[in-house]
Amino acid sequence: MAVDDLWYLARRDPETGDRRPSKRQGRGKRWRVRWIDPHTGETRTALFERKADAERQDVSVHADISRGQYIDPQAGKITIAEYASQWRAQQLHRDSTADIVERAFRLHILPMLGQLPIADVRSSHIRAWVKATAENLSSSSVHLVYSYIKSMFASATIDKIIASSPCVGIRLPDIGNHELFIPDPAQIHSLVEAISERYSPIPYLAAGCGLRGGEIFGLELDHVNFLSREIHVRQQLKRMPGVPPYLGELKTKTSRRTVELPEVVQLALARHVERFPIREIMIEDRTNIRNIHQRPTRLLFLTAHGRPLHRSNWSAVWRAAVRRAGLPSGFGLHGLRHYFATLLIHNGAAVKTVQLALGHSTPMITLNTYAHEWPDALDRTRTLVDAALGSHLSAATTGPDQ
């Protein structure tokens, strides 16, 4: 590392010993700092008008290299949009998650932050983004999208693109205790009556078996055992932008499960199969990434045109049924899974039982979602402790002296 004076040649006049001016004298910045990038071995330079500033940079770079904290100034010039593209390509996201992340960046992150060099982003930029985004998205959505920003800057720090993350001391809007709308049985029956006959068993599969939408849309006739009254959840139907619907792996490992088939759901499915005979269609199977192939399927639910159901062609059908049934606007199919969960809980099911029935990856997810549905848990705990220890305490307080 060195500080060079660009206005004078390095070699002095051999006769006079005087410094000889260079062709650059009087033009541009005079002082140049040179150093070797410890990561690439390339020579880096920086120009300054004042010698003191150049010497300060020389000392700072030398110290950073010695401490192993060197950050290439050029690396931080990459824009958020460019780095975000690289970052997303490196993530081990499932297809559905990758689609959500792509939409989050395209719609909510890049319009405001995309053109900024990543090294120029300060906490003030992130706070301004949070404030602006909170005006258009729900608090929970702001938290989700912010988590992608935070993860991206954490990766940039690890990659030594930037020295530190600007996502420090950022206050997000309170999510609060959002009370889930849980329909009652009469409302579920109304929903079944309001929906197109072709899809009438779908609400029962969500409310009576706890299946997710993608799991229902990917359900094949072979997965339903009418004799043992069981449903084997083995796949889900997925749809990505620009890609035809396909069968994909389930959301979590524990989503692969066998659920009981209640009589009300069994009868609805039996009537459905009789009314709408199963048609075999070819669809791509990506449930095993090592063996992606087209195969014939016997999906339980197809559109009137014989196409698989997915979020795009299902949403209009669902919204119309919700409106006709008089349910709150915005009520989703997932709300019927909540009904299924609360039904189990209110009838004494343990956390582990509910977790396995819903296909949650851990009991903690089940608890975080439905903890308020176990209102008598503390009362039961107190009763158990009093029954075990209370008798001894009573005997001690009613001794011979009393």
Protein backbone atom coordinates (compact mmCIF):
# COMPACT_ATOMS: atom_id res chain seq x y z
CA MET A 1 0.00 0.00 0.00
CA ALA A 2 1.19 3.48 -0.77
CA VAL A 3 0.15 7.08 -1.30
CA ASP A 4 1.24 8.45 -4.69
CA ASP A 5 1.52 12.08 -5.78
CA LEU A 6 0.11 12.02 -9.32
CA TRP A 7 1.23 15.55 -10.12
CA TYR A 8 4.91 14.58 -9.97
CA LEU A 9 6.91 11.73 -11.45
CA ALA A 10 8.31 9.18 -9.06
CA ARG A 11 11.89 9.67 -10.30
CA ARG A 12 13.60 13.00 -9.69
CA ASP A 13 15.69 14.92 -12.24
CA PRO A 14 19.07 13.09 -12.24
CA GLU A 15 21.03 16.34 -12.61
CA THR A 16 19.24 18.71 -10.28
CA GLY A 17 17.52 16.25 -7.98
CA ASP A 18 14.34 18.27 -8.31
CA ARG A 19 10.94 16.61 -8.60
CA ARG A 20 9.67 16.54 -12.17
CA PRO A 21 6.04 17.46 -12.88
CA SER A 22 3.85 14.87 -14.59
CA LYS A 23 1.45 15.46 -17.45
CA ARG A 24 -1.41 15.43 -14.95
CA GLN A 25 -0.08 18.33 -12.87
CA GLY A 26 -2.82 20.77 -12.01
CA ARG A 27 -5.54 18.50 -13.38
CA GLY A 28 -7.78 16.15 -11.40
CA LYS A 29 -7.22 14.76 -7.96
CA ARG A 30 -3.60 14.74 -6.90
CA TRP A 31 -3.27 11.91 -4.39
CA ARG A 32 -3.74 8.20 -5.09
CA VAL A 33 -3.91 5.33 -2.61
CA ARG A 34 -2.99 1.85 -3.87
CA TRP A 35 -3.53 -1.50 -2.15
CA ILE A 36 -3.95 -5.19 -2.93
CA ASP A 37 -7.44 -6.63 -2.48
CA PRO A 38 -6.92 -9.58 -0.07
CA HIS A 39 -9.87 -11.46 -1.57
CA THR A 40 -9.00 -11.20 -5.27
CA GLY A 41 -5.31 -10.22 -5.36
CA GLU A 42 -6.18 -7.30 -7.63
CA THR A 43 -4.78 -3.79 -7.21
CA ARG A 44 -7.32 -1.25 -5.98
CA THR A 45 -7.01 2.52 -6.08
CA ALA A 46 -8.74 5.59 -4.68
CA LEU A 47 -8.10 9.26 -5.56
CA PHE A 48 -8.15 12.25 -3.20
CA GLU A 49 -7.64 15.99 -3.49
CA ARG A 50 -5.86 16.30 -0.14
CA LYS A 51 -2.86 14.31 1.02
CA ALA A 52 -4.25 14.03 4.56
CA ASP A 53 -7.38 12.31 3.24
CA ALA A 54 -5.30 9.90 1.18
CA GLU A 55 -3.09 9.02 4.15
CA ARG A 56 -6.16 8.49 6.32
CA GLN A 57 -7.58 6.09 3.71
CA ASP A 58 -4.24 4.30 3.49
CA VAL A 59 -4.16 3.73 7.26
CA SER A 60 -7.83 2.67 7.35
CA VAL A 61 -7.49 0.12 4.54
CA HIS A 62 -4.30 -1.28 6.08
CA ALA A 63 -6.06 -1.70 9.43
CA ASP A 64 -9.13 -3.39 7.86
CA ILE A 65 -6.94 -5.85 5.97
CA SER A 66 -4.95 -6.64 9.12
CA ARG A 67 -8.17 -7.32 11.08
CA GLY A 68 -9.73 -9.36 8.28
CA GLN A 69 -12.50 -6.79 7.93
CA TYR A 70 -11.67 -5.45 4.50
CA ILE A 71 -14.62 -4.51 2.28
CA ASP A 72 -14.05 -3.77 -1.40
CA PRO A 73 -15.50 -0.29 -2.08
CA GLN A 74 -16.38 -1.34 -5.63
CA ALA A 75 -18.44 -4.31 -4.44
CA GLY A 76 -20.88 -2.03 -2.64
CA LYS A 77 -21.72 -0.20 -5.85
CA ILE A 78 -23.97 -3.06 -6.97
CA THR A 79 -27.60 -1.98 -6.81
CA ILE A 80 -30.20 -3.57 -4.55
CA ALA A 81 -31.99 -4.87 -7.66
CA GLU A 82 -28.84 -6.58 -8.96
CA TYR A 83 -27.84 -8.09 -5.63
CA ALA A 84 -31.43 -9.17 -4.86
CA SER A 85 -31.49 -11.14 -8.11
CA GLN A 86 -28.27 -12.94 -7.13
CA TRP A 87 -29.48 -13.51 -3.58
CA ARG A 88 -32.82 -15.02 -4.62
CA ALA A 89 -31.11 -17.37 -7.06
CA GLN A 90 -28.97 -18.76 -4.22
CA GLN A 91 -31.83 -19.45 -1.78
CA LEU A 92 -33.08 -22.99 -1.18
CA HIS A 93 -36.72 -21.99 -1.44
CA ARG A 94 -39.54 -24.28 -2.48
CA ASP A 95 -41.18 -23.22 -5.74
CA SER A 96 -44.18 -21.70 -3.98
CA THR A 97 -41.97 -19.78 -1.54
CA ALA A 98 -39.70 -18.60 -4.36
CA ASP A 99 -42.78 -17.21 -6.10
CA ILE A 100 -43.83 -15.34 -2.95
CA VAL A 101 -40.32 -13.90 -2.48
CA GLU A 102 -40.11 -12.84 -6.14
CA ARG A 103 -43.45 -11.03 -5.88
CA ALA A 104 -42.40 -9.36 -2.62
CA PHE A 105 -39.26 -7.93 -4.21
CA ARG A 106 -40.93 -6.97 -7.49
CA LEU A 107 -43.99 -5.32 -5.98
CA HIS A 108 -42.89 -4.00 -2.59
CA ILE A 109 -39.09 -3.73 -2.30
CA LEU A 110 -37.48 -2.86 -5.63
CA PRO A 111 -39.77 0.05 -6.61
CA MET A 112 -38.45 2.08 -3.66
CA LEU A 113 -35.00 0.63 -2.99
CA GLY A 114 -34.00 -1.19 -6.18
CA GLN A 115 -31.84 1.51 -7.78
CA LEU A 116 -29.79 2.32 -4.67
CA PRO A 117 -26.20 1.03 -4.48
CA ILE A 118 -26.28 -1.49 -1.66
CA ALA A 119 -23.45 0.23 0.24
CA ASP A 120 -25.38 3.51 0.24
CA VAL A 121 -28.45 2.13 2.01
CA ARG A 122 -28.79 3.44 5.55
CA SER A 123 -31.19 2.61 8.36
CA SER A 124 -33.07 5.79 7.46
CA HIS A 125 -33.85 4.31 4.04
CA ILE A 126 -35.24 1.17 5.65
CA ARG A 127 -37.33 3.16 8.14
CA ALA A 128 -38.76 5.22 5.27
CA TRP A 129 -39.54 2.01 3.39
CA VAL A 130 -41.35 0.55 6.42
CA LYS A 131 -43.45 3.68 6.83
CA ALA A 132 -44.42 3.81 3.15
CA THR A 133 -45.10 0.08 2.88
CA ALA A 134 -47.23 0.01 6.03
CA GLU A 135 -49.66 2.38 4.31
CA ASN A 136 -50.47 -0.26 1.68
CA LEU A 137 -49.90 -3.63 3.36
CA SER A 138 -51.14 -5.25 6.54
CA SER A 139 -48.77 -5.33 9.51
CA SER A 140 -48.16 -9.05 9.13
CA SER A 141 -47.30 -8.58 5.44
CA VAL A 142 -44.86 -5.78 6.30
CA HIS A 143 -43.16 -8.14 8.77
CA LEU A 144 -42.91 -10.86 6.12
CA VAL A 145 -41.51 -8.65 3.36
CA TYR A 146 -39.09 -6.97 5.78
CA SER A 147 -37.76 -10.41 6.74
CA TYR A 148 -36.62 -10.85 3.12
CA ILE A 149 -34.85 -7.48 3.16
CA LYS A 150 -33.15 -8.30 6.44
CA SER A 151 -31.99 -11.71 5.20
CA MET A 152 -30.63 -10.18 2.00
CA PHE A 153 -28.56 -7.58 3.88
CA ALA A 154 -27.32 -10.26 6.28
CA SER A 155 -26.03 -12.23 3.29
CA ALA A 156 -24.41 -9.10 1.84
CA THR A 157 -22.58 -8.62 5.15
CA ILE A 158 -21.37 -12.22 5.18
CA ASP A 159 -20.25 -11.86 1.55
CA LYS A 160 -18.34 -8.71 2.56
CA ILE A 161 -20.28 -6.62 0.07
CA ILE A 162 -21.08 -4.20 2.90
CA ALA A 163 -19.52 -3.69 6.32
CA SER A 164 -22.78 -3.83 8.28
CA SER A 165 -26.50 -4.22 7.74
CA PRO A 166 -28.81 -1.19 7.80
CA CYS A 167 -31.54 -3.39 9.30
CA VAL A 168 -30.66 -2.42 12.85
CA GLY A 169 -33.03 -0.64 15.23
CA ILE A 170 -35.90 -0.86 12.76
CA ARG A 171 -39.33 -0.65 14.36
CA LEU A 172 -42.08 -2.53 12.56
CA PRO A 173 -45.83 -1.97 12.96
CA ASP A 174 -47.47 -4.02 15.68
CA ILE A 175 -49.26 -7.08 14.38
CA GLY A 176 -51.53 -7.21 17.40
CA ASN A 177 -53.80 -10.10 18.30
CA HIS A 178 -55.72 -10.73 15.11
CA GLU A 179 -58.75 -12.78 16.01
CA LEU A 180 -59.45 -15.47 13.44
CA PHE A 181 -62.97 -15.70 12.07
CA ILE A 182 -64.15 -19.24 12.75
CA PRO A 183 -67.42 -20.17 10.99
CA ASP A 184 -70.02 -22.27 12.74
CA PRO A 185 -71.42 -25.53 11.26
CA ALA A 186 -74.47 -23.76 9.81
CA GLN A 187 -72.24 -21.32 7.94
CA ILE A 188 -70.14 -24.18 6.56
CA HIS A 189 -73.26 -25.94 5.27
CA SER A 190 -74.39 -22.64 3.73
CA LEU A 191 -71.03 -22.36 2.00
CA VAL A 192 -71.36 -25.87 0.59
CA GLU A 193 -74.81 -25.02 -0.76
CA ALA A 194 -73.58 -21.73 -2.21
CA ILE A 195 -70.62 -23.15 -4.11
CA SER A 196 -70.78 -24.76 -7.53
CA GLU A 197 -71.94 -28.39 -7.28
CA ARG A 198 -68.74 -29.48 -9.02
CA TYR A 199 -66.73 -28.26 -6.03
CA SER A 200 -69.18 -28.86 -3.16
CA PRO A 201 -67.01 -31.40 -1.23
CA ILE A 202 -64.09 -28.97 -1.04
CA PRO A 203 -65.32 -27.00 2.01
CA TYR A 204 -65.95 -30.30 3.81
CA LEU A 205 -62.40 -31.52 3.04
CA ALA A 206 -60.97 -28.37 4.62
CA ALA A 207 -63.38 -28.18 7.56
CA GLY A 208 -63.70 -31.91 8.19
CA CYS A 209 -60.19 -33.16 7.40
CA GLY A 210 -58.01 -30.07 7.79
CA LEU A 211 -56.57 -30.20 4.28
CA ARG A 212 -54.86 -27.19 2.70
CA GLY A 213 -56.09 -25.83 -0.62
CA GLY A 214 -53.17 -27.21 -2.64
CA GLU A 215 -53.59 -30.59 -0.95
CA ILE A 216 -57.26 -30.69 -1.95
CA PHE A 217 -56.56 -29.63 -5.54
CA GLY A 218 -53.86 -32.32 -5.80
CA LEU A 219 -56.01 -35.07 -4.28
CA GLU A 220 -56.46 -38.14 -6.49
CA LEU A 221 -59.15 -40.78 -6.25
CA ASP A 222 -56.52 -43.37 -5.33
CA HIS A 223 -55.67 -41.33 -2.23
CA VAL A 224 -59.15 -41.83 -0.76
CA ASN A 225 -59.86 -45.15 0.93
CA PHE A 226 -63.63 -45.31 1.29
CA LEU A 227 -63.51 -48.68 3.09
CA SER A 228 -61.07 -47.75 5.85
CA ARG A 229 -62.34 -44.15 5.74
CA GLU A 230 -58.94 -42.53 5.35
CA ILE A 231 -57.35 -39.93 3.10
CA HIS A 232 -53.66 -40.23 2.27
CA VAL A 233 -52.14 -36.77 1.74
CA ARG A 234 -49.18 -37.28 -0.58
CA GLN A 235 -48.89 -34.25 -2.86
CA GLN A 236 -50.25 -30.83 -3.64
CA LEU A 237 -51.11 -29.03 -6.84
CA LYS A 238 -48.89 -26.05 -7.56
CA ARG A 239 -48.90 -23.24 -10.08
CA MET A 240 -45.98 -20.93 -10.88
CA PRO A 241 -46.02 -17.92 -13.24
CA GLY A 242 -45.54 -19.07 -16.82
CA VAL A 243 -45.65 -22.76 -15.85
CA PRO A 244 -48.67 -25.11 -16.23
CA PRO A 245 -50.06 -26.57 -12.98
CA TYR A 246 -48.05 -29.50 -11.67
CA LEU A 247 -47.96 -31.90 -8.73
CA GLY A 248 -45.37 -30.84 -6.17
CA GLU A 249 -44.05 -31.97 -2.84
CA LEU A 250 -45.96 -31.03 0.28
CA LYS A 251 -45.27 -27.95 2.38
CA THR A 252 -43.45 -29.84 5.17
CA LYS A 253 -42.33 -33.38 5.88
CA THR A 254 -45.14 -33.77 8.40
CA SER A 255 -47.66 -32.64 5.79
CA ARG A 256 -47.36 -36.16 4.37
CA ARG A 257 -49.99 -37.78 6.54
CA THR A 258 -53.06 -39.97 6.71
CA VAL A 259 -56.20 -38.28 8.00
CA GLU A 260 -59.50 -39.77 9.04
CA LEU A 261 -62.43 -39.49 6.65
CA PRO A 262 -65.57 -38.46 8.56
CA GLU A 263 -68.88 -39.77 7.28
CA VAL A 264 -70.13 -36.35 6.17
CA VAL A 265 -67.04 -35.91 3.98
CA GLN A 266 -67.18 -39.51 2.77
CA LEU A 267 -70.78 -39.11 1.58
CA ALA A 268 -69.99 -35.79 -0.11
CA LEU A 269 -67.07 -37.37 -1.99
CA ALA A 270 -69.09 -40.44 -2.97
CA ARG A 271 -71.85 -38.25 -4.41
CA HIS A 272 -69.24 -36.14 -6.19
CA VAL A 273 -67.58 -39.13 -7.87
CA GLU A 274 -70.99 -40.42 -8.98
CA ARG A 275 -72.11 -37.02 -10.26
CA PHE A 276 -68.78 -36.09 -11.89
CA PRO A 277 -66.99 -39.25 -13.08
CA ILE A 278 -63.23 -39.00 -12.68
CA ARG A 279 -61.38 -38.07 -15.87
CA GLU A 280 -57.79 -39.11 -16.37
CA ILE A 281 -55.48 -36.26 -17.43
CA MET A 282 -51.74 -35.97 -17.96
CA ILE A 283 -49.87 -33.69 -15.60
CA GLU A 284 -46.26 -33.13 -14.64
CA ASP A 285 -45.23 -34.81 -11.39
CA ARG A 286 -42.47 -32.98 -9.49
CA THR A 287 -42.98 -34.65 -6.13
CA ASN A 288 -39.52 -36.20 -6.56
CA ILE A 289 -37.04 -33.71 -8.01
CA ARG A 290 -34.86 -36.62 -9.16
CA ASN A 291 -37.68 -38.04 -11.24
CA ILE A 292 -39.74 -35.27 -12.83
CA HIS A 293 -42.11 -36.79 -15.36
CA GLN A 294 -45.52 -36.57 -16.98
CA ARG A 295 -48.02 -39.11 -15.73
CA PRO A 296 -51.74 -39.84 -15.91
CA THR A 297 -53.65 -38.63 -12.86
CA ARG A 298 -57.20 -39.04 -11.58
CA LEU A 299 -57.68 -35.77 -9.75
CA LEU A 300 -60.91 -35.50 -7.79
CA PHE A 301 -61.52 -31.92 -8.85
CA LEU A 302 -61.24 -30.45 -12.34
CA THR A 303 -62.81 -27.42 -13.95
CA ALA A 304 -65.72 -27.83 -16.36
CA HIS A 305 -63.10 -27.74 -19.13
CA GLY A 306 -61.16 -30.62 -17.60
CA ARG A 307 -58.29 -28.52 -16.25
CA PRO A 308 -56.71 -28.78 -12.77
CA LEU A 309 -57.87 -26.36 -10.11
CA HIS A 310 -55.40 -23.78 -8.87
CA ARG A 311 -55.39 -20.41 -7.16
CA SER A 312 -56.17 -18.41 -10.31
CA ASN A 313 -59.24 -20.29 -11.54
CA TRP A 314 -60.46 -21.12 -8.02
CA SER A 315 -60.49 -17.64 -6.49
CA ALA A 316 -63.48 -16.35 -8.48
CA VAL A 317 -65.51 -19.47 -7.64
CA TRP A 318 -64.66 -19.14 -3.95
CA ARG A 319 -65.33 -15.41 -3.65
CA ALA A 320 -68.76 -15.82 -5.22
CA ALA A 321 -69.64 -18.65 -2.81
CA VAL A 322 -68.44 -16.65 0.21
CA ARG A 323 -70.59 -13.72 -0.86
CA ARG A 324 -73.69 -15.87 -1.42
CA ALA A 325 -73.20 -17.63 1.94
CA GLY A 326 -73.03 -14.27 3.72
CA LEU A 327 -69.54 -14.86 5.14
CA PRO A 328 -67.11 -11.98 5.75
CA SER A 329 -65.38 -10.60 2.67
CA GLY A 330 -61.85 -11.96 2.47
CA PHE A 331 -62.69 -15.20 4.24
CA GLY A 332 -60.47 -17.85 2.67
CA LEU A 333 -60.49 -21.60 2.30
CA HIS A 334 -57.76 -21.69 4.94
CA GLY A 335 -60.33 -20.43 7.44
CA LEU A 336 -62.01 -23.83 7.27
CA ARG A 337 -58.75 -25.42 8.41
CA HIS A 338 -58.98 -23.15 11.44
CA TYR A 339 -62.48 -24.49 12.07
CA PHE A 340 -61.12 -28.05 11.94
CA ALA A 341 -58.31 -27.19 14.37
CA THR A 342 -60.57 -25.46 16.89
CA LEU A 343 -63.06 -28.32 16.69
CA LEU A 344 -60.32 -30.74 17.75
CA ILE A 345 -59.04 -28.41 20.47
CA HIS A 346 -62.44 -27.72 22.01
CA ASN A 347 -63.07 -31.44 22.21
CA GLY A 348 -59.92 -32.10 24.23
CA ALA A 349 -57.33 -32.88 21.54
CA ALA A 350 -53.70 -32.47 22.61
CA VAL A 351 -51.32 -30.11 20.82
CA LYS A 352 -49.46 -33.01 19.21
CA THR A 353 -52.71 -34.48 17.87
CA VAL A 354 -53.71 -31.17 16.29
CA GLN A 355 -50.22 -30.68 14.87
CA LEU A 356 -50.21 -34.06 13.14
CA ALA A 357 -53.75 -33.64 11.82
CA LEU A 358 -52.91 -30.27 10.29
CA GLY A 359 -49.48 -31.31 9.03
CA HIS A 360 -47.64 -28.54 10.89
CA SER A 361 -43.86 -29.01 10.98
CA THR A 362 -43.64 -28.50 14.77
CA PRO A 363 -46.02 -28.32 17.75
CA MET A 364 -44.77 -24.76 18.33
CA ILE A 365 -46.41 -23.60 15.10
CA THR A 366 -49.68 -25.11 16.27
CA LEU A 367 -49.34 -23.45 19.68
CA ASN A 368 -48.43 -20.06 18.22
CA THR A 369 -51.52 -20.17 16.01
CA TYR A 370 -54.07 -21.64 18.40
CA ALA A 371 -52.79 -21.03 21.95
CA HIS A 372 -55.83 -18.86 22.70
CA GLU A 373 -58.10 -21.78 21.82
CA TRP A 374 -56.88 -23.69 24.90
CA PRO A 375 -58.38 -21.21 27.44
CA ASP A 376 -58.80 -23.81 30.16
CA ALA A 377 -55.24 -25.10 30.00
CA LEU A 378 -54.14 -23.08 33.03
CA ASP A 379 -57.23 -24.11 34.98
CA ARG A 380 -56.52 -27.77 34.26
CA THR A 381 -52.90 -27.29 35.33
CA ARG A 382 -53.95 -25.71 38.62
CA THR A 383 -56.46 -28.49 39.23
CA LEU A 384 -53.85 -31.20 38.65
CA VAL A 385 -51.33 -29.56 41.00
CA ASP A 386 -53.93 -28.98 43.71
CA ALA A 387 -55.06 -32.60 43.48
CA ALA A 388 -51.49 -33.87 43.88
CA LEU A 389 -50.08 -31.47 46.47
CA GLY A 390 -53.04 -29.70 47.99
CA SER A 391 -54.06 -32.53 50.35
CA HIS A 392 -50.68 -32.44 52.11
CA LEU A 393 -50.89 -28.66 52.52
CA SER A 394 -54.40 -28.99 54.00
CA ALA A 395 -53.21 -31.59 56.53
CA ALA A 396 -50.32 -29.35 57.56
CA THR A 397 -52.60 -26.37 58.20
CA THR A 398 -55.13 -28.40 60.22
CA GLY A 399 -52.69 -29.99 62.65
CA PRO A 400 -53.17 -30.81 66.39
CA ASP A 401 -52.80 -27.18 67.51
CA GLN A 402 -55.88 -26.09 65.55
